[in-house]
Amino acid sequence: MKELVEVIAKSLVTHPDQVVVTETEKENTLVLELRVAPDDMGKIIGKQGRIAKALRTIVKVAATKTEKKVVVDILQ
């Protein structure tokens, strides 16, 4: 999952070298924290959060095989 989020995020931003994804596992939940450069936040979130929602949907679909809940947090 981490690699999936990283590849998608790097393709969207201006500074792909500053994309950092950390993965934390808690019981039945996998938490992915996405950090990007401050000027790339708008590109990751998108108008009215559409890009962020699409990213979370893609990850949720990919996670159905693992039977774990996956949460994508976008941090500054």
N, C-alpha and C. Protein backbone atom coordinates (compact mmCIF):
# COMPACT_ATOMS: atom_id res chain seq x y z
N MET A 1 0.82 -1.20 0.00
CA MET A 1 0.00 0.00 0.00
C MET A 1 0.86 1.26 0.00
N LYS A 2 1.93 1.22 0.78
CA LYS A 2 2.81 2.38 0.88
C LYS A 2 3.34 2.79 -0.48
N GLU A 3 3.76 1.81 -1.27
CA GLU A 3 4.32 2.09 -2.59
C GLU A 3 3.27 2.68 -3.51
N LEU A 4 2.05 2.20 -3.41
CA LEU A 4 0.96 2.69 -4.25
C LEU A 4 0.71 4.18 -3.99
N VAL A 5 0.60 4.55 -2.73
CA VAL A 5 0.38 5.95 -2.36
C VAL A 5 1.56 6.81 -2.81
N GLU A 6 2.76 6.29 -2.62
CA GLU A 6 3.96 7.03 -2.99
C GLU A 6 4.03 7.30 -4.49
N VAL A 7 3.74 6.31 -5.30
CA VAL A 7 3.79 6.46 -6.76
C VAL A 7 2.74 7.46 -7.23
N ILE A 8 1.53 7.36 -6.71
CA ILE A 8 0.46 8.28 -7.11
C ILE A 8 0.81 9.71 -6.70
N ALA A 9 1.27 9.88 -5.46
CA ALA A 9 1.59 11.22 -4.96
C ALA A 9 2.74 11.85 -5.75
N LYS A 10 3.77 11.07 -6.04
CA LYS A 10 4.92 11.61 -6.77
C LYS A 10 4.54 12.03 -8.18
N SER A 11 3.55 11.38 -8.76
CA SER A 11 3.14 11.76 -10.12
C SER A 11 2.30 13.03 -10.13
N LEU A 12 1.77 13.44 -8.98
CA LEU A 12 0.90 14.61 -8.91
C LEU A 12 1.62 15.90 -8.52
N VAL A 13 2.71 15.81 -7.79
CA VAL A 13 3.33 16.99 -7.19
C VAL A 13 4.47 17.56 -8.03
N THR A 14 4.87 18.78 -7.68
CA THR A 14 5.98 19.45 -8.34
C THR A 14 7.32 19.00 -7.78
N HIS A 15 7.35 18.68 -6.47
CA HIS A 15 8.57 18.26 -5.78
C HIS A 15 8.45 16.80 -5.34
N PRO A 16 8.62 15.85 -6.25
CA PRO A 16 8.45 14.43 -5.88
C PRO A 16 9.50 13.93 -4.89
N ASP A 17 10.63 14.61 -4.79
CA ASP A 17 11.66 14.19 -3.84
C ASP A 17 11.25 14.47 -2.40
N GLN A 18 10.25 15.30 -2.17
CA GLN A 18 9.80 15.63 -0.82
C GLN A 18 8.57 14.82 -0.39
N VAL A 19 8.16 13.85 -1.18
CA VAL A 19 7.03 13.00 -0.82
C VAL A 19 7.52 11.92 0.14
N VAL A 20 6.88 11.84 1.30
CA VAL A 20 7.24 10.85 2.31
C VAL A 20 5.97 10.13 2.76
N VAL A 21 5.98 8.81 2.71
CA VAL A 21 4.85 8.02 3.17
C VAL A 21 5.34 7.11 4.29
N THR A 22 4.70 7.22 5.45
CA THR A 22 5.03 6.34 6.57
C THR A 22 3.86 5.42 6.83
N GLU A 23 4.18 4.19 7.18
CA GLU A 23 3.18 3.15 7.36
C GLU A 23 3.19 2.69 8.81
N THR A 24 2.03 2.71 9.45
CA THR A 24 1.89 2.26 10.83
C THR A 24 0.76 1.25 10.90
N GLU A 25 1.01 0.13 11.56
CA GLU A 25 -0.01 -0.90 11.65
C GLU A 25 -0.50 -1.01 13.09
N LYS A 26 -1.83 -0.93 13.24
CA LYS A 26 -2.46 -1.05 14.55
C LYS A 26 -3.59 -2.06 14.44
N GLU A 27 -3.46 -3.18 15.12
CA GLU A 27 -4.45 -4.25 15.11
C GLU A 27 -4.93 -4.57 13.70
N ASN A 28 -6.14 -4.16 13.35
CA ASN A 28 -6.73 -4.47 12.05
C ASN A 28 -6.68 -3.30 11.09
N THR A 29 -5.94 -2.25 11.46
CA THR A 29 -5.92 -1.02 10.67
C THR A 29 -4.49 -0.69 10.24
N LEU A 30 -4.38 -0.25 9.01
CA LEU A 30 -3.11 0.20 8.46
C LEU A 30 -3.23 1.71 8.21
N VAL A 31 -2.36 2.49 8.85
CA VAL A 31 -2.41 3.94 8.72
C VAL A 31 -1.25 4.38 7.84
N LEU A 32 -1.57 5.08 6.76
CA LEU A 32 -0.56 5.62 5.85
C LEU A 32 -0.57 7.14 5.99
N GLU A 33 0.55 7.71 6.38
CA GLU A 33 0.67 9.16 6.53
C GLU A 33 1.45 9.70 5.35
N LEU A 34 0.84 10.61 4.61
CA LEU A 34 1.45 11.19 3.43
C LEU A 34 1.87 12.62 3.73
N ARG A 35 3.14 12.90 3.51
CA ARG A 35 3.67 14.26 3.69
C ARG A 35 4.25 14.74 2.36
N VAL A 36 3.91 15.98 2.01
CA VAL A 36 4.42 16.59 0.79
C VAL A 36 4.90 17.99 1.11
N ALA A 37 5.56 18.62 0.15
CA ALA A 37 6.02 20.00 0.32
C ALA A 37 4.80 20.90 0.51
N PRO A 38 4.94 21.98 1.30
CA PRO A 38 3.80 22.87 1.57
C PRO A 38 3.13 23.42 0.31
N ASP A 39 3.91 23.73 -0.72
CA ASP A 39 3.29 24.28 -1.94
C ASP A 39 2.64 23.20 -2.81
N ASP A 40 2.80 21.92 -2.46
CA ASP A 40 2.16 20.83 -3.19
C ASP A 40 0.88 20.32 -2.51
N MET A 41 0.53 20.88 -1.36
CA MET A 41 -0.65 20.41 -0.64
C MET A 41 -1.91 20.55 -1.48
N GLY A 42 -2.05 21.65 -2.19
CA GLY A 42 -3.23 21.86 -3.02
C GLY A 42 -3.36 20.84 -4.14
N LYS A 43 -2.23 20.39 -4.65
CA LYS A 43 -2.24 19.40 -5.74
C LYS A 43 -2.65 18.03 -5.22
N ILE A 44 -2.31 17.72 -3.99
CA ILE A 44 -2.67 16.44 -3.40
C ILE A 44 -4.14 16.44 -2.96
N ILE A 45 -4.59 17.55 -2.41
CA ILE A 45 -5.97 17.63 -1.92
C ILE A 45 -6.94 17.85 -3.08
N GLY A 46 -6.61 18.74 -4.00
CA GLY A 46 -7.47 19.01 -5.14
C GLY A 46 -8.63 19.91 -4.79
N LYS A 47 -9.36 20.33 -5.81
CA LYS A 47 -10.53 21.19 -5.59
C LYS A 47 -11.60 20.41 -4.84
N GLN A 48 -12.03 20.98 -3.75
CA GLN A 48 -13.05 20.38 -2.87
C GLN A 48 -12.66 18.98 -2.40
N GLY A 49 -11.36 18.69 -2.36
CA GLY A 49 -10.88 17.42 -1.84
C GLY A 49 -11.05 16.25 -2.79
N ARG A 50 -11.26 16.51 -4.05
CA ARG A 50 -11.53 15.43 -5.01
C ARG A 50 -10.33 14.50 -5.21
N ILE A 51 -9.13 15.05 -5.30
CA ILE A 51 -7.95 14.21 -5.51
C ILE A 51 -7.70 13.34 -4.27
N ALA A 52 -7.81 13.94 -3.08
CA ALA A 52 -7.62 13.18 -1.84
C ALA A 52 -8.65 12.07 -1.73
N LYS A 53 -9.88 12.36 -2.07
CA LYS A 53 -10.94 11.34 -2.00
C LYS A 53 -10.66 10.21 -2.98
N ALA A 54 -10.22 10.56 -4.19
CA ALA A 54 -9.90 9.54 -5.19
C ALA A 54 -8.73 8.68 -4.75
N LEU A 55 -7.72 9.30 -4.15
CA LEU A 55 -6.57 8.56 -3.64
C LEU A 55 -7.00 7.57 -2.57
N ARG A 56 -7.85 8.02 -1.65
CA ARG A 56 -8.34 7.14 -0.58
C ARG A 56 -9.19 6.01 -1.15
N THR A 57 -9.97 6.28 -2.18
CA THR A 57 -10.80 5.25 -2.80
C THR A 57 -9.94 4.18 -3.46
N ILE A 58 -8.91 4.60 -4.17
CA ILE A 58 -8.00 3.65 -4.83
C ILE A 58 -7.33 2.75 -3.79
N VAL A 59 -6.87 3.34 -2.70
CA VAL A 59 -6.21 2.56 -1.66
C VAL A 59 -7.19 1.61 -0.99
N LYS A 60 -8.42 2.06 -0.78
CA LYS A 60 -9.43 1.21 -0.15
C LYS A 60 -9.73 0.00 -1.03
N VAL A 61 -9.83 0.20 -2.33
CA VAL A 61 -10.09 -0.90 -3.26
C VAL A 61 -8.91 -1.87 -3.26
N ALA A 62 -7.70 -1.35 -3.27
CA ALA A 62 -6.51 -2.21 -3.25
C ALA A 62 -6.39 -2.98 -1.94
N ALA A 63 -6.97 -2.45 -0.88
CA ALA A 63 -6.86 -3.09 0.44
C ALA A 63 -7.91 -4.18 0.65
N THR A 64 -8.86 -4.32 -0.23
CA THR A 64 -9.90 -5.33 -0.04
C THR A 64 -9.32 -6.74 -0.01
N LYS A 65 -8.22 -6.95 -0.69
CA LYS A 65 -7.60 -8.27 -0.70
C LYS A 65 -6.94 -8.59 0.65
N THR A 66 -6.47 -7.57 1.36
CA THR A 66 -5.78 -7.80 2.63
C THR A 66 -6.73 -7.91 3.81
N GLU A 67 -7.99 -7.57 3.61
CA GLU A 67 -9.01 -7.61 4.67
C GLU A 67 -8.63 -6.75 5.87
N LYS A 68 -7.94 -5.66 5.63
CA LYS A 68 -7.59 -4.71 6.67
C LYS A 68 -8.16 -3.35 6.31
N LYS A 69 -8.47 -2.57 7.31
CA LYS A 69 -8.92 -1.21 7.06
C LYS A 69 -7.69 -0.35 6.83
N VAL A 70 -7.71 0.47 5.79
CA VAL A 70 -6.58 1.33 5.47
C VAL A 70 -7.03 2.78 5.56
N VAL A 71 -6.27 3.58 6.30
CA VAL A 71 -6.56 5.00 6.47
C VAL A 71 -5.41 5.79 5.87
N VAL A 72 -5.73 6.76 5.01
CA VAL A 72 -4.71 7.62 4.42
C VAL A 72 -4.86 9.00 5.03
N ASP A 73 -3.85 9.45 5.76
CA ASP A 73 -3.82 10.78 6.35
C ASP A 73 -2.86 11.65 5.56
N ILE A 74 -3.32 12.84 5.20
CA ILE A 74 -2.46 13.78 4.49
C ILE A 74 -2.03 14.83 5.49
N LEU A 75 -0.73 14.86 5.77
CA LEU A 75 -0.18 15.75 6.79
C LEU A 75 0.69 16.83 6.15
N GLN A 76 0.85 17.92 6.89
CA GLN A 76 1.67 19.02 6.39
C GLN A 76 3.08 18.90 6.88
